[in-house]
Amino acid sequence: MARQQAEWSNRLRIFWLKKNGYLPIGGGWQYGGIKWTYGMSGNESSVSFTITTNGSEGDNIKLQYTHTNRETDETENMDYRVELATTPCNYGGKRYWFICPLTKNEKYCGRRVGVLFRIGKWYGCRHCGNIAYAKQFEGGKYRWNGVSIPDVEQAEKEVKRYYYKGKPTRKYRRLIRLNEKFRYSLFMSVARIDKGFAKKYGIEV
């Protein structure tokens, strides 16, 4: 299978769910959605989700989206469940993870991961989807403005507590800075490739 590039894949991150308040403290249900827009083509895709924590069926997220078969143009409405797991944080509370639901080589994956990628009609971890990061395509040297997705993921893993006395912790502030730096660099890189995109946003390249 040809390797897919992570930076250009639809992905859902636990950090994004946490940041936007979709992981309720004390349990309950949360509904939401996310939309991806591709700068060069303007095409869009989206997924809706329902998150249940501390429920009778265990912690999980159900993804609702439409899959289109590229060969036949037939569409299929998907209702896809992914289990969630938690680990304790050093300063109290807990951290959520996705449990990859896919099967590869007839073996259930079950990896505990912070990011799910769109793999065909399913969502799963990058190992099951044979997904690589940009710097892996470039012999390990490619980075966006000195920052790669693995750098961001590693910084995310190091965050044990997001706030202390109402203020972001040092490691959380670092994670925010890396995220902003990566997104800005990616935005500018797309602008250099797509002149229409640059003109739309008034970017001089």
Protein backbone atom coordinates (compact mmCIF):
# COMPACT_ATOMS: atom_id res chain seq x y z
CA MET A 1 0.00 0.00 0.00
CA ALA A 2 1.32 3.45 -0.91
CA ARG A 3 2.08 5.59 2.10
CA GLN A 4 -0.31 8.45 2.81
CA GLN A 5 1.02 11.74 4.16
CA ALA A 6 -0.26 12.58 7.64
CA GLU A 7 -0.27 16.34 7.24
CA TRP A 8 -2.78 16.08 4.36
CA SER A 9 -5.04 13.44 5.93
CA ASN A 10 -8.33 14.07 7.70
CA ARG A 11 -7.47 13.59 11.33
CA LEU A 12 -9.26 13.91 14.65
CA ARG A 13 -7.16 14.71 17.71
CA ILE A 14 -7.95 14.13 21.38
CA PHE A 15 -6.18 17.41 22.15
CA TRP A 16 -8.62 19.27 19.87
CA LEU A 17 -11.62 17.60 21.55
CA LYS A 18 -10.24 18.52 24.98
CA LYS A 19 -9.43 22.10 23.99
CA ASN A 20 -12.92 22.68 22.61
CA GLY A 21 -14.75 21.23 25.63
CA TYR A 22 -16.00 18.01 24.05
CA LEU A 23 -14.71 15.77 26.85
CA PRO A 24 -17.10 16.51 29.74
CA ILE A 25 -15.76 16.39 33.27
CA GLY A 26 -17.87 14.04 35.39
CA GLY A 27 -19.38 12.22 32.42
CA GLY A 28 -22.27 12.81 30.03
CA TRP A 29 -22.84 13.37 26.34
CA GLN A 30 -21.40 15.91 23.94
CA TYR A 31 -22.30 16.50 20.29
CA GLY A 32 -20.17 18.29 17.73
CA GLY A 33 -18.46 18.17 14.38
CA ILE A 34 -15.37 19.16 12.45
CA LYS A 35 -14.87 20.23 8.84
CA TRP A 36 -11.74 20.08 6.72
CA THR A 37 -11.14 22.47 3.79
CA TYR A 38 -8.42 21.78 1.24
CA GLY A 39 -6.71 25.04 0.28
CA MET A 40 -5.67 24.17 -3.25
CA SER A 41 -8.97 22.67 -4.42
CA GLY A 42 -11.47 24.24 -2.02
CA ASN A 43 -13.06 20.82 -1.47
CA GLU A 44 -14.54 20.09 1.94
CA SER A 45 -15.27 17.05 4.06
CA SER A 46 -16.77 16.78 7.52
CA VAL A 47 -17.65 14.42 10.32
CA SER A 48 -20.15 14.71 13.16
CA PHE A 49 -19.58 12.99 16.46
CA THR A 50 -21.24 12.02 19.71
CA ILE A 51 -19.03 11.50 22.76
CA THR A 52 -20.20 9.46 25.76
CA THR A 53 -18.18 9.31 28.98
CA ASN A 54 -19.00 7.37 32.15
CA GLY A 55 -21.97 5.77 30.38
CA SER A 56 -23.36 2.26 30.67
CA GLU A 57 -21.64 1.27 27.40
CA GLY A 58 -18.26 2.67 28.43
CA ASP A 59 -16.44 5.74 27.14
CA ASN A 60 -16.67 6.08 23.35
CA ILE A 61 -17.00 8.42 20.41
CA LYS A 62 -19.40 7.71 17.52
CA LEU A 63 -18.47 9.25 14.19
CA GLN A 64 -21.14 10.00 11.61
CA TYR A 65 -20.04 10.86 8.07
CA THR A 66 -20.62 10.05 4.41
CA HIS A 67 -18.18 7.88 2.50
CA THR A 68 -18.06 8.17 -1.30
CA ASN A 69 -16.68 5.32 -3.37
CA ARG A 70 -14.29 7.00 -5.83
CA GLU A 71 -14.75 4.31 -8.45
CA THR A 72 -18.57 4.11 -8.47
CA ASP A 73 -19.52 7.47 -6.86
CA GLU A 74 -21.84 5.53 -4.56
CA THR A 75 -22.27 7.02 -1.10
CA GLU A 76 -22.62 5.29 2.25
CA ASN A 77 -23.67 6.85 5.54
CA MET A 78 -21.26 5.72 8.22
CA ASP A 79 -21.94 5.37 11.96
CA TYR A 80 -18.57 4.37 13.36
CA ARG A 81 -17.80 3.74 17.01
CA VAL A 82 -14.36 4.12 18.59
CA GLU A 83 -13.69 3.22 22.22
CA LEU A 84 -11.97 5.71 24.53
CA ALA A 85 -9.51 4.93 27.32
CA THR A 86 -8.15 7.08 30.14
CA THR A 87 -4.90 7.33 32.06
CA PRO A 88 -4.38 9.32 35.28
CA CYS A 89 -2.50 12.61 35.24
CA ASN A 90 0.25 13.34 37.77
CA TYR A 91 -1.63 16.27 39.29
CA GLY A 92 -5.07 14.73 39.31
CA GLY A 93 -7.71 14.25 36.65
CA LYS A 94 -7.38 11.96 33.68
CA ARG A 95 -6.36 11.99 30.06
CA TYR A 96 -8.37 10.46 27.23
CA TRP A 97 -7.08 8.34 24.34
CA PHE A 98 -8.61 6.71 21.27
CA ILE A 99 -8.39 2.92 21.00
CA CYS A 100 -7.69 2.06 17.37
CA PRO A 101 -10.54 -0.25 16.25
CA LEU A 102 -8.95 -1.55 13.05
CA THR A 103 -7.64 -4.98 12.17
CA LYS A 104 -4.40 -5.39 10.23
CA ASN A 105 -3.08 -8.72 9.02
CA GLU A 106 -5.99 -10.38 10.84
CA LYS A 107 -4.85 -8.92 14.17
CA TYR A 108 -6.85 -6.41 16.20
CA CYS A 109 -4.82 -3.24 16.67
CA GLY A 110 -6.10 -1.77 19.96
CA ARG A 111 -3.34 0.84 20.13
CA ARG A 112 -3.93 3.74 22.50
CA VAL A 113 -3.43 6.84 20.34
CA GLY A 114 -4.06 10.57 20.47
CA VAL A 115 -4.90 10.97 16.76
CA LEU A 116 -7.28 9.14 14.41
CA PHE A 117 -6.75 9.35 10.64
CA ARG A 118 -9.25 8.77 7.84
CA ILE A 119 -8.20 5.48 6.23
CA GLY A 120 -10.46 4.70 3.29
CA LYS A 121 -13.96 4.46 4.73
CA TRP A 122 -12.71 4.01 8.31
CA TYR A 123 -10.80 5.89 10.99
CA GLY A 124 -7.80 4.40 12.75
CA CYS A 125 -4.20 4.94 13.82
CA ARG A 126 -1.40 5.86 11.42
CA HIS A 127 0.24 2.44 11.86
CA CYS A 128 -2.81 0.63 10.49
CA GLY A 129 -3.19 3.16 7.69
CA ASN A 130 0.49 3.03 6.71
CA ILE A 131 0.59 6.80 7.13
CA ALA A 132 3.88 8.67 7.28
CA TYR A 133 4.74 12.22 8.23
CA ALA A 134 6.21 14.67 5.76
CA LYS A 135 9.71 14.45 7.18
CA GLN A 136 9.65 10.67 6.62
CA PHE A 137 8.99 11.29 2.92
CA GLU A 138 12.04 13.53 2.85
CA GLY A 139 14.51 11.19 4.52
CA GLY A 140 13.79 12.58 7.97
CA LYS A 141 14.92 16.13 7.12
CA TYR A 142 11.60 17.76 6.18
CA ARG A 143 10.02 20.08 8.76
CA TRP A 144 7.58 23.01 8.64
CA ASN A 145 9.53 26.02 9.94
CA GLY A 146 11.52 23.74 12.23
CA VAL A 147 8.41 21.99 13.59
CA SER A 148 6.92 18.63 12.59
CA ILE A 149 3.74 16.86 13.67
CA PRO A 150 5.75 14.38 15.80
CA ASP A 151 7.22 17.38 17.64
CA VAL A 152 3.72 18.61 18.43
CA GLU A 153 2.55 15.14 19.47
CA GLN A 154 5.55 14.71 21.78
CA ALA A 155 4.89 18.09 23.38
CA GLU A 156 1.25 17.05 23.84
CA LYS A 157 2.31 13.86 25.62
CA GLU A 158 4.46 15.89 28.02
CA VAL A 159 1.51 18.01 29.16
CA LYS A 160 0.31 16.51 32.43
CA ARG A 161 -1.78 19.46 33.50
CA TYR A 162 -3.29 22.18 31.29
CA TYR A 163 -3.95 24.88 33.90
CA TYR A 164 -2.64 25.72 37.37
CA LYS A 165 -4.41 28.36 39.45
CA GLY A 166 -6.36 29.41 36.37
CA LYS A 167 -3.29 29.94 34.17
CA PRO A 168 -1.85 27.69 31.43
CA THR A 169 1.10 25.61 32.60
CA ARG A 170 4.53 26.06 31.07
CA LYS A 171 4.33 22.84 29.02
CA TYR A 172 0.83 23.70 27.81
CA ARG A 173 2.03 27.14 26.68
CA ARG A 174 4.85 25.45 24.77
CA LEU A 175 2.37 23.12 23.08
CA ILE A 176 0.23 26.09 22.04
CA ARG A 177 3.27 27.87 20.58
CA LEU A 178 4.33 24.79 18.58
CA ASN A 179 0.80 24.33 17.24
CA GLU A 180 0.60 27.96 16.14
CA LYS A 181 4.05 27.87 14.55
CA PHE A 182 3.28 24.69 12.61
CA ARG A 183 -0.12 25.91 11.38
CA TYR A 184 1.27 29.27 10.25
CA SER A 185 4.13 27.61 8.35
CA LEU A 186 1.77 25.14 6.70
CA PHE A 187 -0.56 28.00 5.75
CA MET A 188 2.31 29.93 4.15
CA SER A 189 3.57 26.83 2.32
CA VAL A 190 0.15 26.28 0.75
CA ALA A 191 0.09 29.94 -0.27
CA ARG A 192 3.43 29.54 -2.08
CA ILE A 193 2.03 26.62 -4.06
CA ASP A 194 -1.47 27.95 -4.72
CA LYS A 195 -1.39 31.56 -6.00
CA GLY A 196 -5.20 31.75 -5.88
CA PHE A 197 -5.10 30.85 -2.20
CA ALA A 198 -2.46 33.53 -1.57
CA LYS A 199 -4.50 36.17 -3.40
CA LYS A 200 -7.67 35.26 -1.48
CA TYR A 201 -5.96 35.89 1.86
CA GLY A 202 -3.80 38.81 0.70
CA ILE A 203 -0.50 37.00 1.19
CA GLU A 204 2.63 38.22 -0.57
CA VAL A 205 4.88 35.28 -1.51
